[in-house]
Structure formats: C-alpha cells, structure tokens
Amino acid sequence: MWDVCIHDGKIAAVAEDLSGTRAVRTIDATGLLVTPGLIGVHAHVFFRVNPNSIEATPLAARSGVTTMVDPGSGGAATFDAFRHFTVAQPRCRVLEFLNISIVGTIAKPECGYGLFVDPNLAEQTAVANSALIVGINSRCRPLAYSAIHCTDRLSVYRGARTVNPERVTTESFSKMPLPPERADARSGNSKA
C-alpha cells in the first residue's frame, strides 16, 4: 500500500507512509483503485448539437475520465459553439480533433460531398484555438464524398497534412478503395 499526497490538484508525493505530513484532509482508499485522471480519446460530446453526442460531465464522473477528446464533432464554422456549449460547461477538460468539414458532424454526410471541406479554414481555426484543438480529423468516408465533387477522397487528408504537416491529423477511412497506383501494383498491372 502506498500513500498519495495531492496538493493544488496535482500529485505532490507518493510513498509507503506519508502519515508524518500535515494533511488538511485524509481519505482512506484501502481496497480502491487510485489512478491519475484518465483520458477518453474518442467521445462525441457536442451535446444537443450533434445527434450522436453525449453530455461530457456525467460520463466523466462515472468513468474516472478527467480529459475527453472529441474526434471531430465540431468544424471551423461550429467551433465557437463547441467551445461555448462543450468546453466551457463540463467539469472535465475537453479537447477536440477539429473536423475538416466546416460544420463538423452536424450535417450528413458531414463533408457535403466535398463542398464543406476547407483545410485552410480548419488550420486557421486550429491555430487560433491551439489550447483546445489537438489535431484535424479528415474523415475520408465513402458517404462523405461523391464522384461528382471529389474523385480522390485521399486529397482531403493530403490537404490537411499539406497545410501544416506538423499538426496531428487523424483519418477515418472505411471501405475505401485503394488508390489506383496501389491497386495496379497489387493486381500485377503496375506501370513501373
């Protein structure tokens, strides 16, 4: 068994016996699991705006999570509302992978068949809100694009990486065909 001393909300000491210290309050956690705050890395928390979202505070309270990372519910055009309704309200910290779609995941399909995609505005928003935005989510899903407006879904991801290659970028590829050069190589029809 170990004792944990917390001062100003941070772990100040861990030792087998801290009974000689001047504690303002002592909690007996015998038989309990004591951890630092956990991070929920995928939680849609743009509650009451995004239909697939949940409220951050109740989830955090019952799961031991002190920081939640929303994977792209907000976009550049909706980030101010995300900050106001989501970041300012909960008792846990909320961070965001800003969606490359300016409206986030509010619209279906969220990228408006490529019409809502704006890597430059996403990057500007990310830079202006760098304390809250940890990266860009490019969400390259087949439903989000059509052959009419966006023939190369990978271009959206490449666009996000080109604007700022240092920014963490996530991509959600699902049922996405291989790029032609990789498909040709796999089938033995390589033009190399």
Protein backbone atom coordinates (compact mmCIF):
# COMPACT_ATOMS: atom_id res chain seq x y z
CA MET A 1 0.00 0.00 0.00
CA TRP A 2 1.13 3.48 -0.84
CA ASP A 3 0.06 6.92 0.30
CA VAL A 4 -0.59 9.67 -2.23
CA CYS A 5 -0.30 13.35 -1.34
CA ILE A 6 -2.24 15.77 -3.53
CA HIS A 7 -1.53 19.50 -3.39
CA ASP A 8 -3.31 22.10 -5.53
CA GLY A 9 -4.92 19.36 -7.60
CA LYS A 10 -1.65 17.66 -8.51
CA ILE A 11 0.18 14.63 -7.13
CA ALA A 12 2.86 16.05 -4.86
CA ALA A 13 4.24 12.84 -3.32
CA VAL A 14 3.86 9.07 -3.39
CA ALA A 15 5.42 6.97 -0.62
CA GLU A 16 4.75 3.96 1.55
CA ASP A 17 3.99 6.16 4.54
CA LEU A 18 3.11 9.85 4.41
CA SER A 19 1.43 9.90 7.83
CA GLY A 20 4.03 12.34 9.16
CA THR A 21 2.94 15.05 6.73
CA ARG A 22 0.41 17.72 7.62
CA ALA A 23 -2.64 16.71 5.65
CA VAL A 24 -5.66 19.01 5.60
CA ARG A 25 -7.85 16.04 4.72
CA THR A 26 -7.22 12.29 4.66
CA ILE A 27 -9.22 9.81 2.58
CA ASP A 28 -8.94 6.09 3.30
CA ALA A 29 -8.81 4.46 -0.15
CA THR A 30 -7.97 0.98 1.13
CA GLY A 31 -9.24 -1.59 -1.35
CA LEU A 32 -9.90 1.05 -4.01
CA LEU A 33 -8.10 1.75 -7.25
CA VAL A 34 -6.43 5.16 -7.28
CA THR A 35 -5.32 6.49 -10.65
CA PRO A 36 -4.41 9.85 -12.11
CA GLY A 37 -7.12 11.28 -14.32
CA LEU A 38 -7.82 9.07 -17.30
CA ILE A 39 -8.17 10.36 -20.86
CA GLY A 40 -11.12 9.34 -23.01
CA VAL A 41 -9.66 9.51 -26.52
CA HIS A 42 -12.91 9.15 -28.51
CA ALA A 43 -16.07 10.71 -27.12
CA HIS A 44 -18.51 12.76 -29.19
CA VAL A 45 -19.51 15.44 -26.67
CA PHE A 46 -21.07 18.23 -28.78
CA PHE A 47 -24.24 17.50 -26.78
CA ARG A 48 -27.61 18.75 -28.13
CA VAL A 49 -25.94 19.95 -31.32
CA ASN A 50 -24.56 16.73 -32.77
CA PRO A 51 -27.21 13.97 -32.63
CA ASN A 52 -24.57 11.31 -31.89
CA SER A 53 -23.11 13.13 -28.89
CA ILE A 54 -23.41 12.67 -25.15
CA GLU A 55 -23.01 15.04 -22.24
CA ALA A 56 -19.39 15.13 -21.05
CA THR A 57 -19.77 15.71 -17.29
CA PRO A 58 -21.95 12.69 -16.36
CA LEU A 59 -19.79 10.38 -18.47
CA ALA A 60 -16.60 11.72 -16.90
CA ALA A 61 -17.96 11.45 -13.37
CA ARG A 62 -18.80 7.76 -13.66
CA SER A 63 -15.75 6.68 -15.66
CA GLY A 64 -12.79 8.33 -13.91
CA VAL A 65 -12.03 10.42 -17.00
CA THR A 66 -10.72 13.94 -16.42
CA THR A 67 -9.98 14.75 -20.08
CA MET A 68 -12.11 13.86 -23.10
CA VAL A 69 -11.05 14.19 -26.70
CA ASP A 70 -13.88 14.74 -29.16
CA PRO A 71 -12.93 13.15 -32.51
CA GLY A 72 -14.43 15.80 -34.80
CA SER A 73 -17.97 16.78 -33.83
CA GLY A 74 -17.09 20.43 -34.42
CA GLY A 75 -15.76 22.10 -37.54
CA ALA A 76 -14.34 25.56 -38.20
CA ALA A 77 -17.80 27.12 -38.63
CA THR A 78 -19.19 25.48 -35.48
CA PHE A 79 -16.16 25.60 -33.20
CA ASP A 80 -17.25 28.73 -31.35
CA ALA A 81 -20.48 26.94 -30.35
CA PHE A 82 -18.47 23.80 -29.50
CA ARG A 83 -16.26 25.87 -27.19
CA HIS A 84 -19.25 27.61 -25.57
CA PHE A 85 -21.53 24.61 -25.05
CA THR A 86 -18.98 21.83 -24.62
CA VAL A 87 -15.65 23.13 -23.39
CA ALA A 88 -16.93 25.82 -21.00
CA GLN A 89 -19.61 23.67 -19.34
CA PRO A 90 -18.23 20.31 -18.18
CA ARG A 91 -16.21 19.64 -15.06
CA CYS A 92 -13.69 17.70 -17.13
CA ARG A 93 -11.29 19.03 -19.73
CA VAL A 94 -12.49 18.65 -23.34
CA LEU A 95 -10.12 18.72 -26.30
CA GLU A 96 -11.01 18.44 -29.99
CA PHE A 97 -9.81 16.90 -33.21
CA LEU A 98 -11.36 19.60 -35.40
CA ASN A 99 -13.29 18.15 -38.31
CA ILE A 100 -12.05 19.19 -41.74
CA SER A 101 -15.72 19.74 -42.61
CA ILE A 102 -16.57 23.30 -41.62
CA VAL A 103 -19.82 22.08 -40.00
CA GLY A 104 -18.29 19.08 -38.23
CA THR A 105 -20.51 16.02 -37.97
CA ILE A 106 -23.75 18.02 -37.75
CA ALA A 107 -24.61 17.53 -41.43
CA LYS A 108 -24.99 14.12 -43.03
CA PRO A 109 -22.87 13.49 -44.98
CA GLU A 110 -20.66 15.75 -42.94
CA CYS A 111 -18.40 16.84 -45.78
CA GLY A 112 -21.35 17.72 -48.02
CA TYR A 113 -19.92 15.59 -50.82
CA GLY A 114 -16.73 17.60 -50.59
CA LEU A 115 -18.43 21.01 -50.54
CA PHE A 116 -17.90 21.62 -46.80
CA VAL A 117 -14.20 20.69 -46.83
CA ASP A 118 -11.86 23.59 -46.14
CA PRO A 119 -8.38 22.53 -44.92
CA ASN A 120 -7.14 26.14 -44.74
CA LEU A 121 -10.03 27.34 -42.54
CA ALA A 122 -9.60 24.23 -40.38
CA GLU A 123 -5.93 25.05 -39.90
CA GLN A 124 -6.65 28.72 -39.12
CA THR A 125 -9.21 27.66 -36.52
CA ALA A 126 -6.79 25.11 -35.05
CA VAL A 127 -4.01 27.69 -34.75
CA ALA A 128 -6.35 30.25 -33.15
CA ASN A 129 -7.57 27.62 -30.64
CA SER A 130 -4.38 25.61 -30.14
CA ALA A 131 -5.02 25.12 -26.42
CA LEU A 132 -8.18 23.12 -27.23
CA ILE A 133 -7.64 21.65 -30.71
CA VAL A 134 -5.15 18.79 -30.73
CA GLY A 135 -5.43 17.94 -34.41
CA ILE A 136 -7.57 17.73 -37.53
CA ASN A 137 -9.89 14.84 -38.39
CA SER A 138 -10.11 14.42 -42.15
CA ARG A 139 -12.91 11.79 -42.10
CA CYS A 140 -12.42 10.28 -45.56
CA ARG A 141 -15.53 8.11 -45.68
CA PRO A 142 -17.28 7.00 -48.87
CA LEU A 143 -20.60 8.51 -47.80
CA ALA A 144 -18.99 11.93 -47.37
CA TYR A 145 -17.89 12.28 -50.99
CA SER A 146 -19.26 11.56 -54.44
CA ALA A 147 -17.52 11.07 -57.76
CA ILE A 148 -19.19 14.27 -58.93
CA HIS A 149 -17.46 16.58 -56.45
CA CYS A 150 -14.48 14.70 -55.04
CA THR A 151 -12.94 11.91 -57.09
CA ASP A 152 -9.96 11.42 -54.77
CA ARG A 153 -11.01 11.21 -51.12
CA LEU A 154 -7.35 10.98 -50.14
CA SER A 155 -6.91 14.56 -51.38
CA VAL A 156 -8.84 15.78 -48.32
CA TYR A 157 -6.38 14.07 -45.98
CA ARG A 158 -3.44 15.26 -48.06
CA GLY A 159 -4.90 18.79 -47.95
CA ALA A 160 -4.97 18.74 -44.15
CA ARG A 161 -1.41 17.43 -44.00
CA THR A 162 -0.16 19.97 -46.58
CA VAL A 163 -1.45 23.00 -44.68
CA ASN A 164 0.55 22.04 -41.59
CA PRO A 165 2.44 18.72 -41.71
CA GLU A 166 3.33 19.11 -38.01
CA ARG A 167 -0.30 19.06 -36.83
CA VAL A 168 -1.62 15.69 -35.71
CA THR A 169 -4.13 14.51 -38.29
CA THR A 170 -6.48 11.58 -37.91
CA GLU A 171 -8.21 9.93 -40.78
CA SER A 172 -11.24 7.71 -40.71
CA PHE A 173 -11.05 5.56 -43.80
CA SER A 174 -13.67 2.87 -44.19
CA LYS A 175 -14.50 0.74 -47.23
CA MET A 176 -12.26 2.99 -49.22
CA PRO A 177 -10.77 1.56 -52.41
CA LEU A 178 -7.01 1.53 -52.81
CA PRO A 179 -5.56 4.41 -54.82
CA PRO A 180 -5.16 3.33 -58.48
CA GLU A 181 -1.36 3.01 -58.25
CA ARG A 182 -1.62 0.64 -55.25
CA ALA A 183 -4.48 -1.34 -56.79
CA ASP A 184 -2.45 -1.77 -60.01
CA ALA A 185 0.61 -2.90 -58.04
CA ARG A 186 -1.44 -5.43 -56.10
CA SER A 187 -3.02 -6.86 -59.26
CA GLY A 188 0.30 -7.09 -61.10
CA ASN A 189 -0.62 -4.37 -63.61
CA SER A 190 1.99 -1.94 -62.32
CA LYS A 191 3.10 0.64 -64.87
CA ALA A 192 6.52 0.97 -63.25
